[in-house]
Amino acid sequence: YIDSANTPNSVRRFCMQATIDRVEYLISLKTEKEKDYRILTS
């Protein structure tokens, strides 16, 4: 589905933005214990 030529780029863009937003969300949850964790998306 996601790698199909028929899937609109807007769907891929939505998924990319959603993962970036979740990275931001997880970073906002970090406590002092987790300060050295590195959170990212590929």
All heavy atoms as atom14 arrays in JSON, in Angstrom:
{
  "sequence": "YIDSANTPNSVRRFCMQATIDRVEYLISLKTEKEKDYRILTS",
  "atom14_mask": [
    [1, 1, 1, 1, 1, 1, 1, 1, 1, 1, 1, 1, 0, 0],
    [1, 1, 1, 1, 1, 1, 1, 1, 0, 0, 0, 0, 0, 0],
    [1, 1, 1, 1, 1, 1, 1, 1, 0, 0, 0, 0, 0, 0],
    [1, 1, 1, 1, 1, 1, 0, 0, 0, 0, 0, 0, 0, 0],
    [1, 1, 1, 1, 1, 0, 0, 0, 0, 0, 0, 0, 0, 0],
    [1, 1, 1, 1, 1, 1, 1, 1, 0, 0, 0, 0, 0, 0],
    [1, 1, 1, 1, 1, 1, 1, 0, 0, 0, 0, 0, 0, 0],
    [1, 1, 1, 1, 1, 1, 1, 0, 0, 0, 0, 0, 0, 0],
    [1, 1, 1, 1, 1, 1, 1, 1, 0, 0, 0, 0, 0, 0],
    [1, 1, 1, 1, 1, 1, 0, 0, 0, 0, 0, 0, 0, 0],
    [1, 1, 1, 1, 1, 1, 1, 0, 0, 0, 0, 0, 0, 0],
    [1, 1, 1, 1, 1, 1, 1, 1, 1, 1, 1, 0, 0, 0],
    [1, 1, 1, 1, 1, 1, 1, 1, 1, 1, 1, 0, 0, 0],
    [1, 1, 1, 1, 1, 1, 1, 1, 1, 1, 1, 0, 0, 0],
    [1, 1, 1, 1, 1, 1, 0, 0, 0, 0, 0, 0, 0, 0],
    [1, 1, 1, 1, 1, 1, 1, 1, 0, 0, 0, 0, 0, 0],
    [1, 1, 1, 1, 1, 1, 1, 1, 1, 0, 0, 0, 0, 0],
    [1, 1, 1, 1, 1, 0, 0, 0, 0, 0, 0, 0, 0, 0],
    [1, 1, 1, 1, 1, 1, 1, 0, 0, 0, 0, 0, 0, 0],
    [1, 1, 1, 1, 1, 1, 1, 1, 0, 0, 0, 0, 0, 0],
    [1, 1, 1, 1, 1, 1, 1, 1, 0, 0, 0, 0, 0, 0],
    [1, 1, 1, 1, 1, 1, 1, 1, 1, 1, 1, 0, 0, 0],
    [1, 1, 1, 1, 1, 1, 1, 0, 0, 0, 0, 0, 0, 0],
    [1, 1, 1, 1, 1, 1, 1, 1, 1, 0, 0, 0, 0, 0],
    [1, 1, 1, 1, 1, 1, 1, 1, 1, 1, 1, 1, 0, 0],
    [1, 1, 1, 1, 1, 1, 1, 1, 0, 0, 0, 0, 0, 0],
    [1, 1, 1, 1, 1, 1, 1, 1, 0, 0, 0, 0, 0, 0],
    [1, 1, 1, 1, 1, 1, 0, 0, 0, 0, 0, 0, 0, 0],
    [1, 1, 1, 1, 1, 1, 1, 1, 0, 0, 0, 0, 0, 0],
    [1, 1, 1, 1, 1, 1, 1, 1, 1, 0, 0, 0, 0, 0],
    [1, 1, 1, 1, 1, 1, 1, 0, 0, 0, 0, 0, 0, 0],
    [1, 1, 1, 1, 1, 1, 1, 1, 1, 0, 0, 0, 0, 0],
    [1, 1, 1, 1, 1, 1, 1, 1, 1, 0, 0, 0, 0, 0],
    [1, 1, 1, 1, 1, 1, 1, 1, 1, 0, 0, 0, 0, 0],
    [1, 1, 1, 1, 1, 1, 1, 1, 1, 0, 0, 0, 0, 0],
    [1, 1, 1, 1, 1, 1, 1, 1, 0, 0, 0, 0, 0, 0],
    [1, 1, 1, 1, 1, 1, 1, 1, 1, 1, 1, 1, 0, 0],
    [1, 1, 1, 1, 1, 1, 1, 1, 1, 1, 1, 0, 0, 0],
    [1, 1, 1, 1, 1, 1, 1, 1, 0, 0, 0, 0, 0, 0],
    [1, 1, 1, 1, 1, 1, 1, 1, 0, 0, 0, 0, 0, 0],
    [1, 1, 1, 1, 1, 1, 1, 0, 0, 0, 0, 0, 0, 0],
    [1, 1, 1, 1, 1, 1, 0, 0, 0, 0, 0, 0, 0, 0]
  ],
  "atom14_positions": [
    [[0.82, -1.2, 0.0], [0.0, 0.0, 0.0], [0.86, 1.26, 0.0], [0.74, 2.1, -0.87], [-0.92, 0.0, 1.22], [-1.67, 1.3, 1.37], [-2.71, 1.62, 0.51], [-1.32, 2.22, 2.34], [-3.39, 2.82, 0.62], [-1.99, 3.42, 2.47], [-3.02, 3.71, 1.6], [-3.68, 4.89, 1.7], [0.0, 0.0, 0.0], [0.0, 0.0, 0.0]],
    [[1.75, 1.41, 0.97], [2.47, 2.67, 1.12], [3.49, 2.9, 0.01], [3.74, 4.02, -0.38], [3.13, 2.79, 2.52], [3.5, 4.25, 2.82], [4.33, 1.87, 2.64], [2.34, 5.19, 2.95], [0.0, 0.0, 0.0], [0.0, 0.0, 0.0], [0.0, 0.0, 0.0], [0.0, 0.0, 0.0], [0.0, 0.0, 0.0], [0.0, 0.0, 0.0]],
    [[4.06, 1.84, -0.54], [5.05, 2.01, -1.61], [4.45, 1.86, -3.0], [5.17, 1.85, -3.99], [6.2, 1.02, -1.41], [7.07, 1.39, -0.21], [7.05, 2.56, 0.2], [7.76, 0.49, 0.31], [0.0, 0.0, 0.0], [0.0, 0.0, 0.0], [0.0, 0.0, 0.0], [0.0, 0.0, 0.0], [0.0, 0.0, 0.0], [0.0, 0.0, 0.0]],
    [[3.13, 1.77, -3.07], [2.46, 1.66, -4.37], [2.49, 2.99, -5.12], [2.39, 4.06, -4.52], [1.0, 1.24, -4.14], [0.25, 1.4, -5.34], [0.0, 0.0, 0.0], [0.0, 0.0, 0.0], [0.0, 0.0, 0.0], [0.0, 0.0, 0.0], [0.0, 0.0, 0.0], [0.0, 0.0, 0.0], [0.0, 0.0, 0.0], [0.0, 0.0, 0.0]],
    [[2.6, 2.91, -6.42], [2.57, 4.12, -7.24], [1.2, 4.79, -7.18], [1.07, 5.98, -7.46], [2.92, 3.78, -8.69], [0.0, 0.0, 0.0], [0.0, 0.0, 0.0], [0.0, 0.0, 0.0], [0.0, 0.0, 0.0], [0.0, 0.0, 0.0], [0.0, 0.0, 0.0], [0.0, 0.0, 0.0], [0.0, 0.0, 0.0], [0.0, 0.0, 0.0]],
    [[0.16, 4.04, -6.82], [-1.19, 4.6, -6.75], [-1.45, 5.35, -5.44], [-2.44, 6.06, -5.32], [-2.24, 3.5, -6.91], [-2.24, 2.94, -8.32], [-1.91, 3.64, -9.27], [-2.57, 1.68, -8.44], [0.0, 0.0, 0.0], [0.0, 0.0, 0.0], [0.0, 0.0, 0.0], [0.0, 0.0, 0.0], [0.0, 0.0, 0.0], [0.0, 0.0, 0.0]],
    [[-0.61, 5.17, -4.45], [-0.8, 5.86, -3.17], [-0.4, 7.32, -3.33], [0.72, 7.62, -3.76], [0.05, 5.2, -2.06], [-0.35, 3.83, -1.95], [-0.14, 5.9, -0.73], [0.0, 0.0, 0.0], [0.0, 0.0, 0.0], [0.0, 0.0, 0.0], [0.0, 0.0, 0.0], [0.0, 0.0, 0.0], [0.0, 0.0, 0.0], [0.0, 0.0, 0.0]],
    [[-1.3, 8.23, -3.01], [-0.98, 9.66, -3.18], [0.17, 10.09, -2.26], [0.32, 9.57, -1.15], [-2.27, 10.37, -2.76], [-3.33, 9.34, -2.7], [-2.66, 8.02, -2.51], [0.0, 0.0, 0.0], [0.0, 0.0, 0.0], [0.0, 0.0, 0.0], [0.0, 0.0, 0.0], [0.0, 0.0, 0.0], [0.0, 0.0, 0.0], [0.0, 0.0, 0.0]],
    [[0.96, 11.04, -2.75], [2.06, 11.57, -1.93], [1.53, 12.21, -0.65], [2.25, 12.25, 0.35], [2.88, 12.58, -2.73], [3.84, 11.9, -3.68], [4.23, 10.76, -3.47], [4.21, 12.6, -4.74], [0.0, 0.0, 0.0], [0.0, 0.0, 0.0], [0.0, 0.0, 0.0], [0.0, 0.0, 0.0], [0.0, 0.0, 0.0], [0.0, 0.0, 0.0]],
    [[0.3, 12.68, -0.67], [-0.26, 13.28, 0.55], [-0.34, 12.26, 1.68], [-0.21, 12.61, 2.85], [-1.65, 13.87, 0.26], [-2.54, 12.87, -0.17], [0.0, 0.0, 0.0], [0.0, 0.0, 0.0], [0.0, 0.0, 0.0], [0.0, 0.0, 0.0], [0.0, 0.0, 0.0], [0.0, 0.0, 0.0], [0.0, 0.0, 0.0], [0.0, 0.0, 0.0]],
    [[-0.53, 10.98, 1.35], [-0.57, 9.92, 2.37], [0.82, 9.73, 2.95], [1.0, 9.65, 4.17], [-1.11, 8.6, 1.78], [-0.94, 7.45, 2.75], [-2.56, 8.78, 1.38], [0.0, 0.0, 0.0], [0.0, 0.0, 0.0], [0.0, 0.0, 0.0], [0.0, 0.0, 0.0], [0.0, 0.0, 0.0], [0.0, 0.0, 0.0], [0.0, 0.0, 0.0]],
    [[1.83, 9.68, 2.09], [3.21, 9.56, 2.57], [3.58, 10.76, 3.45], [4.2, 10.62, 4.49], [4.18, 9.42, 1.42], [4.08, 8.1, 0.69], [5.11, 8.0, -0.43], [4.81, 6.85, -1.24], [3.98, 6.85, -2.28], [3.39, 7.96, -2.66], [3.76, 5.75, -2.96], [0.0, 0.0, 0.0], [0.0, 0.0, 0.0], [0.0, 0.0, 0.0]],
    [[3.21, 11.93, 3.0], [3.49, 13.16, 3.74], [2.81, 13.11, 5.12], [3.42, 13.45, 6.13], [3.02, 14.39, 2.97], [3.36, 15.69, 3.65], [2.91, 16.92, 2.85], [3.34, 16.89, 1.47], [2.53, 16.71, 0.42], [1.22, 16.57, 0.61], [3.0, 16.69, -0.8], [0.0, 0.0, 0.0], [0.0, 0.0, 0.0], [0.0, 0.0, 0.0]],
    [[1.57, 12.67, 5.15], [0.84, 12.53, 6.41], [1.59, 11.61, 7.37], [1.76, 11.91, 8.55], [-0.57, 12.0, 6.16], [-1.33, 11.7, 7.41], [-2.04, 12.7, 8.06], [-1.32, 10.42, 7.97], [-2.74, 12.42, 9.24], [-1.99, 10.14, 9.15], [-2.71, 11.15, 9.79], [0.0, 0.0, 0.0], [0.0, 0.0, 0.0], [0.0, 0.0, 0.0]],
    [[2.04, 10.45, 6.86], [2.74, 9.48, 7.7], [4.08, 10.03, 8.18], [4.46, 9.85, 9.34], [2.94, 8.17, 6.93], [1.39, 7.3, 6.58], [0.0, 0.0, 0.0], [0.0, 0.0, 0.0], [0.0, 0.0, 0.0], [0.0, 0.0, 0.0], [0.0, 0.0, 0.0], [0.0, 0.0, 0.0], [0.0, 0.0, 0.0], [0.0, 0.0, 0.0]],
    [[4.81, 10.71, 7.3], [6.08, 11.32, 7.69], [5.87, 12.33, 8.81], [6.59, 12.34, 9.81], [6.74, 12.01, 6.5], [7.29, 11.09, 5.45], [7.95, 12.08, 4.08], [8.04, 10.86, 2.8], [0.0, 0.0, 0.0], [0.0, 0.0, 0.0], [0.0, 0.0, 0.0], [0.0, 0.0, 0.0], [0.0, 0.0, 0.0], [0.0, 0.0, 0.0]],
    [[4.88, 13.2, 8.63], [4.62, 14.24, 9.63], [4.17, 13.62, 10.94], [4.57, 14.08, 12.02], [3.58, 15.24, 9.12], [3.41, 16.44, 10.02], [4.68, 17.27, 10.11], [5.19, 17.76, 9.11], [5.21, 17.42, 11.31], [0.0, 0.0, 0.0], [0.0, 0.0, 0.0], [0.0, 0.0, 0.0], [0.0, 0.0, 0.0], [0.0, 0.0, 0.0]],
    [[3.37, 12.56, 10.87], [2.9, 11.9, 12.09], [4.08, 11.34, 12.88], [4.11, 11.46, 14.12], [1.9, 10.8, 11.75], [0.0, 0.0, 0.0], [0.0, 0.0, 0.0], [0.0, 0.0, 0.0], [0.0, 0.0, 0.0], [0.0, 0.0, 0.0], [0.0, 0.0, 0.0], [0.0, 0.0, 0.0], [0.0, 0.0, 0.0], [0.0, 0.0, 0.0]],
    [[5.06, 10.74, 12.22], [6.21, 10.19, 12.94], [7.07, 11.3, 13.53], [7.57, 11.17, 14.65], [7.07, 9.26, 12.06], [7.53, 9.97, 10.93], [6.28, 8.04, 11.62], [0.0, 0.0, 0.0], [0.0, 0.0, 0.0], [0.0, 0.0, 0.0], [0.0, 0.0, 0.0], [0.0, 0.0, 0.0], [0.0, 0.0, 0.0], [0.0, 0.0, 0.0]],
    [[7.24, 12.39, 12.81], [8.0, 13.53, 13.34], [7.29, 14.09, 14.57], [7.93, 14.41, 15.58], [8.18, 14.62, 12.25], [9.1, 14.09, 11.14], [8.73, 15.91, 12.85], [9.15, 14.98, 9.9], [0.0, 0.0, 0.0], [0.0, 0.0, 0.0], [0.0, 0.0, 0.0], [0.0, 0.0, 0.0], [0.0, 0.0, 0.0], [0.0, 0.0, 0.0]],
    [[5.98, 14.2, 14.5], [5.22, 14.7, 15.65], [5.35, 13.77, 16.85], [5.4, 14.22, 18.0], [3.74, 14.88, 15.28], [3.52, 15.99, 14.26], [4.44, 16.82, 14.07], [2.43, 16.02, 13.66], [0.0, 0.0, 0.0], [0.0, 0.0, 0.0], [0.0, 0.0, 0.0], [0.0, 0.0, 0.0], [0.0, 0.0, 0.0], [0.0, 0.0, 0.0]],
    [[5.42, 12.45, 16.62], [5.57, 11.51, 17.73], [6.97, 11.6, 18.35], [7.13, 11.39, 19.55], [5.28, 10.08, 17.29], [3.82, 9.8, 17.05], [2.9, 10.34, 18.11], [2.82, 9.5, 19.28], [2.01, 9.71, 20.32], [1.2, 10.73, 20.33], [2.01, 8.89, 21.34], [0.0, 0.0, 0.0], [0.0, 0.0, 0.0], [0.0, 0.0, 0.0]],
    [[7.97, 11.9, 17.54], [9.31, 12.14, 18.09], [9.26, 13.32, 19.05], [9.75, 13.26, 20.18], [10.36, 12.38, 16.97], [11.65, 12.94, 17.54], [10.62, 11.09, 16.21], [0.0, 0.0, 0.0], [0.0, 0.0, 0.0], [0.0, 0.0, 0.0], [0.0, 0.0, 0.0], [0.0, 0.0, 0.0], [0.0, 0.0, 0.0], [0.0, 0.0, 0.0]],
    [[8.62, 14.39, 18.61], [8.48, 15.57, 19.46], [7.72, 15.21, 20.75], [8.1, 15.64, 21.84], [7.74, 16.67, 18.7], [7.54, 17.94, 19.5], [6.75, 18.99, 18.74], [5.84, 18.63, 17.96], [7.04, 20.17, 18.94], [0.0, 0.0, 0.0], [0.0, 0.0, 0.0], [0.0, 0.0, 0.0], [0.0, 0.0, 0.0], [0.0, 0.0, 0.0]],
    [[6.67, 14.42, 20.63], [5.89, 14.01, 21.79], [6.74, 13.2, 22.78], [6.73, 13.47, 23.98], [4.67, 13.2, 21.34], [3.94, 12.55, 22.47], [3.12, 13.29, 23.32], [4.07, 11.18, 22.72], [2.45, 12.68, 24.38], [3.42, 10.58, 23.77], [2.61, 11.33, 24.6], [1.96, 10.74, 25.65], [0.0, 0.0, 0.0], [0.0, 0.0, 0.0]],
    [[7.48, 12.2, 22.28], [8.3, 11.38, 23.16], [9.37, 12.21, 23.86], [9.65, 12.0, 25.04], [8.95, 10.23, 22.38], [8.04, 9.08, 22.01], [8.78, 8.07, 21.14], [7.49, 8.4, 23.26], [0.0, 0.0, 0.0], [0.0, 0.0, 0.0], [0.0, 0.0, 0.0], [0.0, 0.0, 0.0], [0.0, 0.0, 0.0], [0.0, 0.0, 0.0]],
    [[9.95, 13.16, 23.15], [10.96, 14.04, 23.76], [10.33, 14.83, 24.89], [10.95, 15.03, 25.94], [11.6, 14.95, 22.69], [12.47, 14.12, 21.75], [12.41, 16.07, 23.35], [12.97, 14.87, 20.53], [0.0, 0.0, 0.0], [0.0, 0.0, 0.0], [0.0, 0.0, 0.0], [0.0, 0.0, 0.0], [0.0, 0.0, 0.0], [0.0, 0.0, 0.0]],
    [[9.09, 15.26, 24.71], [8.42, 16.04, 25.76], [8.16, 15.2, 27.02], [7.97, 15.76, 28.1], [7.1, 16.62, 25.25], [6.1, 15.61, 25.16], [0.0, 0.0, 0.0], [0.0, 0.0, 0.0], [0.0, 0.0, 0.0], [0.0, 0.0, 0.0], [0.0, 0.0, 0.0], [0.0, 0.0, 0.0], [0.0, 0.0, 0.0], [0.0, 0.0, 0.0]],
    [[8.17, 13.86, 26.9], [7.92, 12.98, 28.03], [9.2, 12.66, 28.83], [9.11, 12.1, 29.92], [7.33, 11.65, 27.56], [5.95, 11.67, 26.92], [5.57, 10.25, 26.51], [4.92, 12.26, 27.85], [0.0, 0.0, 0.0], [0.0, 0.0, 0.0], [0.0, 0.0, 0.0], [0.0, 0.0, 0.0], [0.0, 0.0, 0.0], [0.0, 0.0, 0.0]],
    [[10.36, 13.0, 28.29], [11.62, 12.62, 28.93], [11.73, 13.2, 30.34], [11.41, 14.36, 30.57], [12.81, 13.07, 28.08], [13.0, 12.21, 26.86], [14.01, 12.7, 25.88], [15.38, 12.91, 26.39], [16.35, 13.17, 25.33], [0.0, 0.0, 0.0], [0.0, 0.0, 0.0], [0.0, 0.0, 0.0], [0.0, 0.0, 0.0], [0.0, 0.0, 0.0]],
    [[12.2, 12.34, 31.24], [12.44, 12.76, 32.62], [13.96, 12.89, 32.81], [14.74, 12.64, 31.89], [11.9, 11.7, 33.61], [12.65, 10.49, 33.43], [10.43, 11.45, 33.4], [0.0, 0.0, 0.0], [0.0, 0.0, 0.0], [0.0, 0.0, 0.0], [0.0, 0.0, 0.0], [0.0, 0.0, 0.0], [0.0, 0.0, 0.0], [0.0, 0.0, 0.0]],
    [[14.36, 13.24, 34.01], [15.79, 13.36, 34.32], [16.51, 12.03, 34.06], [17.63, 12.01, 33.58], [15.96, 13.81, 35.77], [17.38, 14.07, 36.18], [18.04, 15.2, 35.4], [17.33, 16.13, 34.96], [19.28, 15.14, 35.23], [0.0, 0.0, 0.0], [0.0, 0.0, 0.0], [0.0, 0.0, 0.0], [0.0, 0.0, 0.0], [0.0, 0.0, 0.0]],
    [[15.85, 10.93, 34.37], [16.42, 9.59, 34.15], [16.67, 9.31, 32.66], [17.61, 8.61, 32.31], [15.47, 8.55, 34.73], [15.88, 7.12, 34.52], [14.81, 6.18, 35.05], [15.02, 4.8, 34.49], [13.87, 3.94, 34.69], [0.0, 0.0, 0.0], [0.0, 0.0, 0.0], [0.0, 0.0, 0.0], [0.0, 0.0, 0.0], [0.0, 0.0, 0.0]],
    [[15.85, 9.88, 31.81], [15.91, 9.6, 30.37], [16.58, 10.73, 29.58], [16.53, 10.73, 28.35], [14.49, 9.37, 29.84], [13.84, 8.17, 30.49], [12.35, 8.34, 30.7], [11.86, 9.49, 30.63], [11.68, 7.33, 30.96], [0.0, 0.0, 0.0], [0.0, 0.0, 0.0], [0.0, 0.0, 0.0], [0.0, 0.0, 0.0], [0.0, 0.0, 0.0]],
    [[17.21, 11.66, 30.26], [17.76, 12.85, 29.59], [18.81, 12.52, 28.53], [18.97, 13.27, 27.58], [18.31, 13.84, 30.6], [19.58, 13.43, 31.31], [20.02, 14.51, 32.26], [21.28, 14.32, 33.01], [21.95, 13.13, 33.18], [0.0, 0.0, 0.0], [0.0, 0.0, 0.0], [0.0, 0.0, 0.0], [0.0, 0.0, 0.0], [0.0, 0.0, 0.0]],
    [[19.51, 11.39, 28.67], [20.55, 11.03, 27.71], [20.03, 10.19, 26.53], [20.78, 9.86, 25.63], [21.67, 10.27, 28.41], [22.42, 11.15, 29.4], [22.47, 12.38, 29.17], [22.95, 10.62, 30.39], [0.0, 0.0, 0.0], [0.0, 0.0, 0.0], [0.0, 0.0, 0.0], [0.0, 0.0, 0.0], [0.0, 0.0, 0.0], [0.0, 0.0, 0.0]],
    [[18.76, 9.82, 26.57], [18.18, 9.06, 25.46], [18.15, 9.93, 24.21], [17.97, 11.14, 24.29], [16.75, 8.63, 25.77], [16.61, 7.58, 26.85], [17.66, 7.16, 27.65], [15.37, 7.01, 27.08], [17.49, 6.21, 28.64], [15.19, 6.05, 28.07], [16.25, 5.67, 28.84], [16.06, 4.72, 29.81], [0.0, 0.0, 0.0], [0.0, 0.0, 0.0]],
    [[18.31, 9.3, 23.06], [18.19, 10.0, 21.78], [16.99, 9.42, 21.05], [16.93, 8.22, 20.79], [19.44, 9.79, 20.93], [20.72, 10.19, 21.59], [21.13, 11.56, 21.13], [22.5, 11.81, 21.54], [23.38, 12.38, 20.78], [23.07, 12.77, 19.57], [24.59, 12.59, 21.23], [0.0, 0.0, 0.0], [0.0, 0.0, 0.0], [0.0, 0.0, 0.0]],
    [[16.05, 10.29, 20.72], [14.8, 9.86, 20.09], [14.76, 10.42, 18.67], [14.98, 11.62, 18.47], [13.59, 10.34, 20.91], [13.69, 9.76, 22.33], [12.29, 9.94, 20.24], [12.68, 10.32, 23.31], [0.0, 0.0, 0.0], [0.0, 0.0, 0.0], [0.0, 0.0, 0.0], [0.0, 0.0, 0.0], [0.0, 0.0, 0.0], [0.0, 0.0, 0.0]],
    [[14.49, 9.55, 17.69], [14.45, 10.0, 16.31], [13.59, 9.07, 15.46], [13.19, 8.0, 15.9], [15.86, 10.11, 15.72], [16.76, 8.9, 15.84], [17.43, 8.64, 14.5], [17.83, 9.22, 16.87], [0.0, 0.0, 0.0], [0.0, 0.0, 0.0], [0.0, 0.0, 0.0], [0.0, 0.0, 0.0], [0.0, 0.0, 0.0], [0.0, 0.0, 0.0]],
    [[13.33, 9.52, 14.26], [12.64, 8.68, 13.29], [13.49, 8.63, 12.03], [14.24, 9.56, 11.73], [11.23, 9.22, 12.96], [10.57, 8.3, 12.07], [11.25, 10.57, 12.29], [0.0, 0.0, 0.0], [0.0, 0.0, 0.0], [0.0, 0.0, 0.0], [0.0, 0.0, 0.0], [0.0, 0.0, 0.0], [0.0, 0.0, 0.0], [0.0, 0.0, 0.0]],
    [[13.41, 7.51, 11.33], [14.06, 7.42, 10.02], [12.97, 7.43, 8.96], [11.91, 6.82, 9.13], [14.89, 6.13, 9.91], [14.05, 5.0, 9.86], [0.0, 0.0, 0.0], [0.0, 0.0, 0.0], [0.0, 0.0, 0.0], [0.0, 0.0, 0.0], [0.0, 0.0, 0.0], [0.0, 0.0, 0.0], [0.0, 0.0, 0.0], [0.0, 0.0, 0.0]]
  ]
}
